[in-house]
Amino acid sequence: MFLVFMMYVKLKFFGIFRDYLNNEIDVKVDCGSNISDLKCYLRDEIFVGEFKILIGVLDKSIFSTDIIILSDDYILKSDDIIYLLPPFSGG
């Protein structure tokens, strides 16, 4: 028998994600989870039914903290605040 420890991260939505969902959610993930795992969770658990349209946007979006853009292998830490930013343009 082995133990799997869980932790929470806060995921804040912007743009089209905020249009469809609340401003933020708390996500319960396994310790050692990374951004790629978080994307899978969103695809499988959140972006279902009427929110399935968001999957295509997710694939083109970036995850960040308030300081840096995160790669898919970034290991999540307990109480991280992660921002989900859809593609954007502007001047």
PDB file of N, CA and C in Angstrom:
ATOM      1  N   MET A   1       0.842  -1.192   0.000  1.00  0.00           N
ATOM      2  CA  MET A   1       0.000   0.000   0.000  1.00  0.00           C
ATOM      3  C   MET A   1       0.881   1.247   0.000  1.00  0.00           C
ATOM      4  N   PHE A   2       0.489   2.247  -0.785  1.00  0.00           N
ATOM      5  CA  PHE A   2       1.212   3.510  -0.779  1.00  0.00           C
ATOM      6  C   PHE A   2       0.206   4.641  -0.677  1.00  0.00           C
ATOM      7  N   LEU A   3       0.669   5.755  -0.191  1.00  0.00           N
ATOM      8  CA  LEU A   3      -0.197   6.906   0.009  1.00  0.00           C
ATOM      9  C   LEU A   3      -0.019   7.909  -1.117  1.00  0.00           C
ATOM     10  N   VAL A   4      -1.108   8.467  -1.565  1.00  0.00           N
ATOM     11  CA  VAL A   4      -1.072   9.552  -2.544  1.00  0.00           C
ATOM     12  C   VAL A   4      -1.562  10.792  -1.822  1.00  0.00           C
ATOM     13  N   PHE A   5      -0.737  11.773  -1.724  1.00  0.00           N
ATOM     14  CA  PHE A   5      -1.112  13.002  -1.043  1.00  0.00           C
ATOM     15  C   PHE A   5      -1.740  13.965  -2.035  1.00  0.00           C
ATOM     16  N   MET A   6      -2.722  14.676  -1.569  1.00  0.00           N
ATOM     17  CA  MET A   6      -3.439  15.633  -2.399  1.00  0.00           C
ATOM     18  C   MET A   6      -3.126  17.043  -1.922  1.00  0.00           C
ATOM     19  N   MET A   7      -3.319  17.992  -2.825  1.00  0.00           N
ATOM     20  CA  MET A   7      -3.152  19.405  -2.494  1.00  0.00           C
ATOM     21  C   MET A   7      -4.112  20.204  -3.357  1.00  0.00           C
ATOM     22  N   TYR A   8      -4.256  21.463  -3.022  1.00  0.00           N
ATOM     23  CA  TYR A   8      -5.118  22.357  -3.787  1.00  0.00           C
ATOM     24  C   TYR A   8      -4.298  23.447  -4.461  1.00  0.00           C
ATOM     25  N   VAL A   9      -4.706  23.778  -5.684  1.00  0.00           N
ATOM     26  CA  VAL A   9      -4.191  24.962  -6.373  1.00  0.00           C
ATOM     27  C   VAL A   9      -5.401  25.780  -6.816  1.00  0.00           C
ATOM     28  N   LYS A  10      -5.229  27.058  -6.898  1.00  0.00           N
ATOM     29  CA  LYS A  10      -6.293  27.952  -7.368  1.00  0.00           C
ATOM     30  C   LYS A  10      -6.041  28.237  -8.843  1.00  0.00           C
ATOM     31  N   LEU A  11      -7.069  28.067  -9.650  1.00  0.00           N
ATOM     32  CA  LEU A  11      -6.977  28.335 -11.082  1.00  0.00           C
ATOM     33  C   LEU A  11      -7.877  29.521 -11.400  1.00  0.00           C
ATOM     34  N   LYS A  12      -7.277  30.596 -11.904  1.00  0.00           N
ATOM     35  CA  LYS A  12      -8.020  31.807 -12.245  1.00  0.00           C
ATOM     36  C   LYS A  12      -8.178  31.891 -13.755  1.00  0.00           C
ATOM     37  N   PHE A  13      -9.395  32.187 -14.187  1.00  0.00           N
ATOM     38  CA  PHE A  13      -9.725  32.220 -15.609  1.00  0.00           C
ATOM     39  C   PHE A  13      -9.776  33.647 -16.150  1.00  0.00           C
ATOM     40  N   PHE A  14      -9.401  33.784 -17.421  1.00  0.00           N
ATOM     41  CA  PHE A  14      -9.484  35.060 -18.118  1.00  0.00           C
ATOM     42  C   PHE A  14     -10.106  34.834 -19.494  1.00  0.00           C
ATOM     43  N   GLY A  15     -10.554  35.914 -20.119  1.00  0.00           N
ATOM     44  CA  GLY A  15     -11.094  35.868 -21.478  1.00  0.00           C
ATOM     45  C   GLY A  15     -12.291  34.945 -21.602  1.00  0.00           C
ATOM     46  N   ILE A  16     -12.286  34.136 -22.657  1.00  0.00           N
ATOM     47  CA  ILE A  16     -13.411  33.253 -22.947  1.00  0.00           C
ATOM     48  C   ILE A  16     -13.666  32.258 -21.808  1.00  0.00           C
ATOM     49  N   PHE A  17     -12.619  31.854 -21.103  1.00  0.00           N
ATOM     50  CA  PHE A  17     -12.808  30.930 -19.982  1.00  0.00           C
ATOM     51  C   PHE A  17     -13.676  31.568 -18.905  1.00  0.00           C
ATOM     52  N   ARG A  18     -13.435  32.838 -18.645  1.00  0.00           N
ATOM     53  CA  ARG A  18     -14.224  33.555 -17.637  1.00  0.00           C
ATOM     54  C   ARG A  18     -15.658  33.752 -18.130  1.00  0.00           C
ATOM     55  N   ASP A  19     -15.840  33.902 -19.443  1.00  0.00           N
ATOM     56  CA  ASP A  19     -17.186  34.058 -19.995  1.00  0.00           C
ATOM     57  C   ASP A  19     -18.045  32.825 -19.732  1.00  0.00           C
ATOM     58  N   TYR A  20     -17.433  31.642 -19.753  1.00  0.00           N
ATOM     59  CA  TYR A  20     -18.173  30.395 -19.573  1.00  0.00           C
ATOM     60  C   TYR A  20     -18.187  29.887 -18.136  1.00  0.00           C
ATOM     61  N   LEU A  21     -17.143  30.168 -17.400  1.00  0.00           N
ATOM     62  CA  LEU A  21     -16.973  29.615 -16.055  1.00  0.00           C
ATOM     63  C   LEU A  21     -16.904  30.733 -15.029  1.00  0.00           C
ATOM     64  N   ASN A  22     -16.822  30.374 -13.773  1.00  0.00           N
ATOM     65  CA  ASN A  22     -16.596  31.367 -12.726  1.00  0.00           C
ATOM     66  C   ASN A  22     -15.218  31.992 -12.914  1.00  0.00           C
ATOM     67  N   ASN A  23     -14.919  33.011 -12.143  1.00  0.00           N
ATOM     68  CA  ASN A  23     -13.619  33.669 -12.237  1.00  0.00           C
ATOM     69  C   ASN A  23     -12.478  32.747 -11.835  1.00  0.00           C
ATOM     70  N   GLU A  24     -12.754  31.827 -10.894  1.00  0.00           N
ATOM     71  CA  GLU A  24     -11.695  30.957 -10.410  1.00  0.00           C
ATOM     72  C   GLU A  24     -12.298  29.699  -9.792  1.00  0.00           C
ATOM     73  N   ILE A  25     -11.464  28.660  -9.729  1.00  0.00           N
ATOM     74  CA  ILE A  25     -11.860  27.430  -9.047  1.00  0.00           C
ATOM     75  C   ILE A  25     -10.665  26.913  -8.250  1.00  0.00           C
ATOM     76  N   ASP A  26     -10.951  26.166  -7.212  1.00  0.00           N
ATOM     77  CA  ASP A  26      -9.916  25.438  -6.487  1.00  0.00           C
ATOM     78  C   ASP A  26      -9.891  24.031  -7.058  1.00  0.00           C
ATOM     79  N   VAL A  27      -8.697  23.571  -7.408  1.00  0.00           N
ATOM     80  CA  VAL A  27      -8.539  22.262  -8.028  1.00  0.00           C
ATOM     81  C   VAL A  27      -7.727  21.373  -7.084  1.00  0.00           C
ATOM     82  N   LYS A  28      -8.260  20.196  -6.802  1.00  0.00           N
ATOM     83  CA  LYS A  28      -7.570  19.219  -5.968  1.00  0.00           C
ATOM     84  C   LYS A  28      -6.756  18.315  -6.884  1.00  0.00           C
ATOM     85  N   VAL A  29      -5.435  18.299  -6.688  1.00  0.00           N
ATOM     86  CA  VAL A  29      -4.536  17.517  -7.532  1.00  0.00           C
ATOM     87  C   VAL A  29      -3.616  16.665  -6.664  1.00  0.00           C
ATOM     88  N   ASP A  30      -3.053  15.620  -7.272  1.00  0.00           N
ATOM     89  CA  ASP A  30      -2.053  14.805  -6.589  1.00  0.00           C
ATOM     90  C   ASP A  30      -0.777  15.607  -6.412  1.00  0.00           C
ATOM     91  N   CYS A  31      -0.078  15.395  -5.310  1.00  0.00           N
ATOM     92  CA  CYS A  31       1.250  15.975  -5.148  1.00  0.00           C
ATOM     93  C   CYS A  31       2.120  15.476  -6.291  1.00  0.00           C
ATOM     94  N   GLY A  32       2.919  16.343  -6.835  1.00  0.00           N
ATOM     95  CA  GLY A  32       3.773  15.991  -7.966  1.00  0.00           C
ATOM     96  C   GLY A  32       3.122  16.221  -9.320  1.00  0.00           C
ATOM     97  N   SER A  33       1.869  16.682  -9.327  1.00  0.00           N
ATOM     98  CA  SER A  33       1.186  16.969 -10.592  1.00  0.00           C
ATOM     99  C   SER A  33       1.829  18.167 -11.270  1.00  0.00           C
ATOM    100  N   ASN A  34       1.708  18.200 -12.606  1.00  0.00           N
ATOM    101  CA  ASN A  34       2.272  19.315 -13.359  1.00  0.00           C
ATOM    102  C   ASN A  34       1.177  19.969 -14.213  1.00  0.00           C
ATOM    103  N   ILE A  35       1.562  20.956 -14.998  1.00  0.00           N
ATOM    104  CA  ILE A  35       0.602  21.675 -15.844  1.00  0.00           C
ATOM    105  C   ILE A  35      -0.064  20.735 -16.836  1.00  0.00           C
ATOM    106  N   SER A  36       0.678  19.798 -17.372  1.00  0.00           N
ATOM    107  CA  SER A  36       0.100  18.832 -18.295  1.00  0.00           C
ATOM    108  C   SER A  36      -1.020  18.028 -17.619  1.00  0.00           C
ATOM    109  N   ASP A  37      -0.814  17.639 -16.372  1.00  0.00           N
ATOM    110  CA  ASP A  37      -1.847  16.933 -15.612  1.00  0.00           C
ATOM    111  C   ASP A  37      -3.064  17.835 -15.394  1.00  0.00           C
ATOM    112  N   LEU A  38      -2.818  19.122 -15.131  1.00  0.00           N
ATOM    113  CA  LEU A  38      -3.904  20.074 -14.935  1.00  0.00           C
ATOM    114  C   LEU A  38      -4.729  20.233 -16.213  1.00  0.00           C
ATOM    115  N   LYS A  39      -4.053  20.268 -17.365  1.00  0.00           N
ATOM    116  CA  LYS A  39      -4.764  20.331 -18.647  1.00  0.00           C
ATOM    117  C   LYS A  39      -5.660  19.111 -18.838  1.00  0.00           C
ATOM    118  N   CYS A  40      -5.151  17.942 -18.517  1.00  0.00           N
ATOM    119  CA  CYS A  40      -5.956  16.711 -18.626  1.00  0.00           C
ATOM    120  C   CYS A  40      -7.169  16.783 -17.712  1.00  0.00           C
ATOM    121  N   TYR A  41      -6.984  17.263 -16.509  1.00  0.00           N
ATOM    122  CA  TYR A  41      -8.103  17.405 -15.573  1.00  0.00           C
ATOM    123  C   TYR A  41      -9.162  18.339 -16.159  1.00  0.00           C
ATOM    124  N   LEU A  42      -8.734  19.460 -16.707  1.00  0.00           N
ATOM    125  CA  LEU A  42      -9.685  20.404 -17.294  1.00  0.00           C
ATOM    126  C   LEU A  42     -10.444  19.762 -18.447  1.00  0.00           C
ATOM    127  N   ARG A  43      -9.727  19.079 -19.338  1.00  0.00           N
ATOM    128  CA  ARG A  43     -10.377  18.406 -20.480  1.00  0.00           C
ATOM    129  C   ARG A  43     -11.389  17.358 -20.024  1.00  0.00           C
ATOM    130  N   ASP A  44     -11.015  16.567 -19.019  1.00  0.00           N
ATOM    131  CA  ASP A  44     -11.830  15.421 -18.614  1.00  0.00           C
ATOM    132  C   ASP A  44     -12.946  15.754 -17.618  1.00  0.00           C
ATOM    133  N   GLU A  45     -12.732  16.775 -16.780  1.00  0.00           N
ATOM    134  CA  GLU A  45     -13.668  17.033 -15.682  1.00  0.00           C
ATOM    135  C   GLU A  45     -14.423  18.362 -15.779  1.00  0.00           C
ATOM    136  N   ILE A  46     -13.817  19.370 -16.369  1.00  0.00           N
ATOM    137  CA  ILE A  46     -14.426  20.706 -16.380  1.00  0.00           C
ATOM    138  C   ILE A  46     -14.983  21.060 -17.749  1.00  0.00           C
ATOM    139  N   PHE A  47     -14.204  20.841 -18.789  1.00  0.00           N
ATOM    140  CA  PHE A  47     -14.614  21.236 -20.146  1.00  0.00           C
ATOM    141  C   PHE A  47     -15.417  20.109 -20.802  1.00  0.00           C
ATOM    142  N   VAL A  48     -16.554  19.805 -20.207  1.00  0.00           N
ATOM    143  CA  VAL A  48     -17.461  18.769 -20.714  1.00  0.00           C
ATOM    144  C   VAL A  48     -18.822  19.399 -20.976  1.00  0.00           C
ATOM    145  N   GLY A  49     -19.659  18.686 -21.685  1.00  0.00           N
ATOM    146  CA  GLY A  49     -20.998  19.194 -21.969  1.00  0.00           C
ATOM    147  C   GLY A  49     -20.936  20.502 -22.725  1.00  0.00           C
ATOM    148  N   GLU A  50     -21.655  21.489 -22.212  1.00  0.00           N
ATOM    149  CA  GLU A  50     -21.710  22.792 -22.887  1.00  0.00           C
ATOM    150  C   GLU A  50     -20.368  23.519 -22.891  1.00  0.00           C
ATOM    151  N   PHE A  51     -19.426  23.089 -22.048  1.00  0.00           N
ATOM    152  CA  PHE A  51     -18.116  23.738 -21.970  1.00  0.00           C
ATOM    153  C   PHE A  51     -17.071  23.078 -22.867  1.00  0.00           C
ATOM    154  N   LYS A  52     -17.479  22.058 -23.621  1.00  0.00           N
ATOM    155  CA  LYS A  52     -16.550  21.321 -24.489  1.00  0.00           C
ATOM    156  C   LYS A  52     -15.884  22.225 -25.524  1.00  0.00           C
ATOM    157  N   ILE A  53     -16.554  23.299 -25.889  1.00  0.00           N
ATOM    158  CA  ILE A  53     -15.998  24.263 -26.848  1.00  0.00           C
ATOM    159  C   ILE A  53     -14.665  24.841 -26.364  1.00  0.00           C
ATOM    160  N   LEU A  54     -14.444  24.830 -25.063  1.00  0.00           N
ATOM    161  CA  LEU A  54     -13.230  25.422 -24.499  1.00  0.00           C
ATOM    162  C   LEU A  54     -11.988  24.567 -24.714  1.00  0.00           C
ATOM    163  N   ILE A  55     -12.160  23.299 -25.070  1.00  0.00           N
ATOM    164  CA  ILE A  55     -10.999  22.422 -25.257  1.00  0.00           C
ATOM    165  C   ILE A  55     -10.088  22.940 -26.368  1.00  0.00           C
ATOM    166  N   GLY A  56     -10.655  23.373 -27.476  1.00  0.00           N
ATOM    167  CA  GLY A  56      -9.851  23.912 -28.571  1.00  0.00           C
ATOM    168  C   GLY A  56      -9.074  25.154 -28.162  1.00  0.00           C
ATOM    169  N   VAL A  57      -9.671  25.973 -27.327  1.00  0.00           N
ATOM    170  CA  VAL A  57      -8.995  27.184 -26.843  1.00  0.00           C
ATOM    171  C   VAL A  57      -7.896  26.802 -25.857  1.00  0.00           C
ATOM    172  N   LEU A  58      -8.164  25.800 -25.037  1.00  0.00           N
ATOM    173  CA  LEU A  58      -7.184  25.345 -24.045  1.00  0.00           C
ATOM    174  C   LEU A  58      -5.868  24.965 -24.707  1.00  0.00           C
ATOM    175  N   ASP A  59      -5.946  24.284 -25.846  1.00  0.00           N
ATOM    176  CA  ASP A  59      -4.741  23.831 -26.539  1.00  0.00           C
ATOM    177  C   ASP A  59      -3.863  24.975 -27.031  1.00  0.00           C
ATOM    178  N   LYS A  60      -4.423  26.171 -27.142  1.00  0.00           N
ATOM    179  CA  LYS A  60      -3.667  27.336 -27.624  1.00  0.00           C
ATOM    180  C   LYS A  60      -3.378  28.337 -26.509  1.00  0.00           C
ATOM    181  N   SER A  61      -3.752  28.001 -25.292  1.00  0.00           N
ATOM    182  CA  SER A  61      -3.647  28.918 -24.161  1.00  0.00           C
ATOM    183  C   SER A  61      -2.355  28.713 -23.386  1.00  0.00           C
ATOM    184  N   ILE A  62      -2.065  29.673 -22.512  1.00  0.00           N
ATOM    185  CA  ILE A  62      -0.888  29.554 -21.653  1.00  0.00           C
ATOM    186  C   ILE A  62      -1.313  29.585 -20.189  1.00  0.00           C
ATOM    187  N   PHE A  63      -0.493  28.951 -19.379  1.00  0.00           N
ATOM    188  CA  PHE A  63      -0.659  28.965 -17.935  1.00  0.00           C
ATOM    189  C   PHE A  63       0.473  29.804 -17.373  1.00  0.00           C
ATOM    190  N   SER A  64       0.184  30.571 -16.335  1.00  0.00           N
ATOM    191  CA  SER A  64       1.225  31.400 -15.738  1.00  0.00           C
ATOM    192  C   SER A  64       0.965  31.586 -14.248  1.00  0.00           C
ATOM    193  N   THR A  65       1.990  32.063 -13.573  1.00  0.00           N
ATOM    194  CA  THR A  65       1.815  32.613 -12.225  1.00  0.00           C
ATOM    195  C   THR A  65       1.743  34.114 -12.444  1.00  0.00           C
ATOM    196  N   ASP A  66       1.784  34.878 -11.383  1.00  0.00           N
ATOM    197  CA  ASP A  66       1.791  36.324 -11.563  1.00  0.00           C
ATOM    198  C   ASP A  66       3.163  36.833 -12.001  1.00  0.00           C
ATOM    199  N   ILE A  67       4.133  35.913 -12.130  1.00  0.00           N
ATOM    200  CA  ILE A  67       5.496  36.309 -12.479  1.00  0.00           C
ATOM    201  C   ILE A  67       5.978  35.697 -13.787  1.00  0.00           C
ATOM    202  N   ILE A  68       5.687  34.396 -14.012  1.00  0.00           N
ATOM    203  CA  ILE A  68       6.269  33.705 -15.164  1.00  0.00           C
ATOM    204  C   ILE A  68       5.225  32.870 -15.920  1.00  0.00           C
ATOM    205  N   ILE A  69       5.524  32.621 -17.199  1.00  0.00           N
ATOM    206  CA  ILE A  69       4.748  31.682 -18.006  1.00  0.00           C
ATOM    207  C   ILE A  69       5.261  30.285 -17.672  1.00  0.00           C
ATOM    208  N   LEU A  70       4.337  29.348 -17.528  1.00  0.00           N
ATOM    209  CA  LEU A  70       4.684  28.002 -17.077  1.00  0.00           C
ATOM    210  C   LEU A  70       4.721  27.008 -18.234  1.00  0.00           C
ATOM    211  N   SER A  71       5.702  26.139 -18.215  1.00  0.00           N
ATOM    212  CA  SER A  71       5.778  25.061 -19.200  1.00  0.00           C
ATOM    213  C   SER A  71       4.926  23.888 -18.705  1.00  0.00           C
ATOM    214  N   ASP A  72       4.668  22.944 -19.603  1.00  0.00           N
ATOM    215  CA  ASP A  72       3.832  21.788 -19.254  1.00  0.00           C
ATOM    216  C   ASP A  72       4.440  20.937 -18.146  1.00  0.00           C
ATOM    217  N   ASP A  73       5.752  20.988 -17.966  1.00  0.00           N
ATOM    218  CA  ASP A  73       6.376  20.158 -16.939  1.00  0.00           C
ATOM    219  C   ASP A  73       6.565  20.879 -15.599  1.00  0.00           C
ATOM    220  N   TYR A  74       6.028  22.090 -15.471  1.00  0.00           N
ATOM    221  CA  TYR A  74       6.083  22.813 -14.197  1.00  0.00           C
ATOM    222  C   TYR A  74       5.344  22.008 -13.135  1.00  0.00           C
ATOM    223  N   ILE A  75       6.008  21.688 -12.035  1.00  0.00           N
ATOM    224  CA  ILE A  75       5.402  20.931 -10.939  1.00  0.00           C
ATOM    225  C   ILE A  75       4.611  21.895 -10.050  1.00  0.00           C
ATOM    226  N   LEU A  76       3.331  21.602  -9.907  1.00  0.00           N
ATOM    227  CA  LEU A  76       2.449  22.441  -9.085  1.00  0.00           C
ATOM    228  C   LEU A  76       2.818  22.316  -7.613  1.00  0.00           C
ATOM    229  N   LYS A  77       2.675  23.432  -6.914  1.00  0.00           N
ATOM    230  CA  LYS A  77       2.934  23.468  -5.480  1.00  0.00           C
ATOM    231  C   LYS A  77       1.629  23.789  -4.756  1.00  0.00           C
ATOM    232  N   SER A  78       1.511  23.284  -3.546  1.00  0.00           N
ATOM    233  CA  SER A  78       0.322  23.530  -2.744  1.00  0.00           C
ATOM    234  C   SER A  78       0.068  25.031  -2.641  1.00  0.00           C
ATOM    235  N   ASP A  79      -1.173  25.404  -2.856  1.00  0.00           N
ATOM    236  CA  ASP A  79      -1.614  26.808  -2.772  1.00  0.00           C
ATOM    237  C   ASP A  79      -1.084  27.696  -3.891  1.00  0.00           C
ATOM    238  N   ASP A  80      -0.559  27.108  -4.977  1.00  0.00           N
ATOM    239  CA  ASP A  80      -0.208  27.907  -6.155  1.00  0.00           C
ATOM    240  C   ASP A  80      -1.448  28.636  -6.659  1.00  0.00           C
ATOM    241  N   ILE A  81      -1.256  29.808  -7.205  1.00  0.00           N
ATOM    242  CA  ILE A  81      -2.305  30.501  -7.948  1.00  0.00           C
ATOM    243  C   ILE A  81      -1.850  30.492  -9.400  1.00  0.00           C
ATOM    244  N   ILE A  82      -2.634  29.801 -10.231  1.00  0.00           N
ATOM    245  CA  ILE A  82      -2.294  29.614 -11.638  1.00  0.00           C
ATOM    246  C   ILE A  82      -3.323  30.357 -12.492  1.00  0.00           C
ATOM    247  N   TYR A  83      -2.857  31.091 -13.474  1.00  0.00           N
ATOM    248  CA  TYR A  83      -3.721  31.842 -14.375  1.00  0.00           C
ATOM    249  C   TYR A  83      -3.810  31.111 -15.704  1.00  0.00           C
ATOM    250  N   LEU A  84      -5.024  30.970 -16.218  1.00  0.00           N
ATOM    251  CA  LEU A  84      -5.247  30.366 -17.534  1.00  0.00           C
ATOM    252  C   LEU A  84      -5.599  31.489 -18.498  1.00  0.00           C
ATOM    253  N   LEU A  85      -4.698  31.740 -19.449  1.00  0.00           N
ATOM    254  CA  LEU A  85      -4.821  32.870 -20.361  1.00  0.00           C
ATOM    255  C   LEU A  85      -5.066  32.365 -21.783  1.00  0.00           C
ATOM    256  N   PRO A  86      -6.205  32.699 -22.361  1.00  0.00           N
ATOM    257  CA  PRO A  86      -6.467  32.282 -23.738  1.00  0.00           C
ATOM    258  C   PRO A  86      -5.589  33.089 -24.700  1.00  0.00           C
ATOM    259  N   PRO A  87      -5.538  32.671 -25.965  1.00  0.00           N
ATOM    260  CA  PRO A  87      -4.790  33.462 -26.947  1.00  0.00           C
ATOM    261  C   PRO A  87      -5.351  34.886 -27.004  1.00  0.00           C
ATOM    262  N   PHE A  88      -4.485  35.833 -27.178  1.00  0.00           N
ATOM    263  CA  PHE A  88      -4.940  37.229 -27.236  1.00  0.00           C
ATOM    264  C   PHE A  88      -4.061  37.997 -28.206  1.00  0.00           C
ATOM    265  N   SER A  89      -4.572  39.121 -28.638  1.00  0.00           N
ATOM    266  CA  SER A  89      -3.803  40.031 -29.485  1.00  0.00           C
ATOM    267  C   SER A  89      -4.228  41.445 -29.141  1.00  0.00           C
ATOM    268  N   GLY A  90      -3.506  42.364 -29.588  1.00  0.00           N
ATOM    269  CA  GLY A  90      -3.849  43.751 -29.281  1.00  0.00           C
ATOM    270  C   GLY A  90      -2.775  44.688 -29.760  1.00  0.00           C
ATOM    271  N   GLY A  91      -2.963  45.916 -29.406  1.00  0.00           N
ATOM    272  CA  GLY A  91      -2.001  46.897 -29.882  1.00  0.00           C
ATOM    273  C   GLY A  91      -1.552  47.811 -28.810  1.00  0.00           C
TER     274      GLY A  91
END
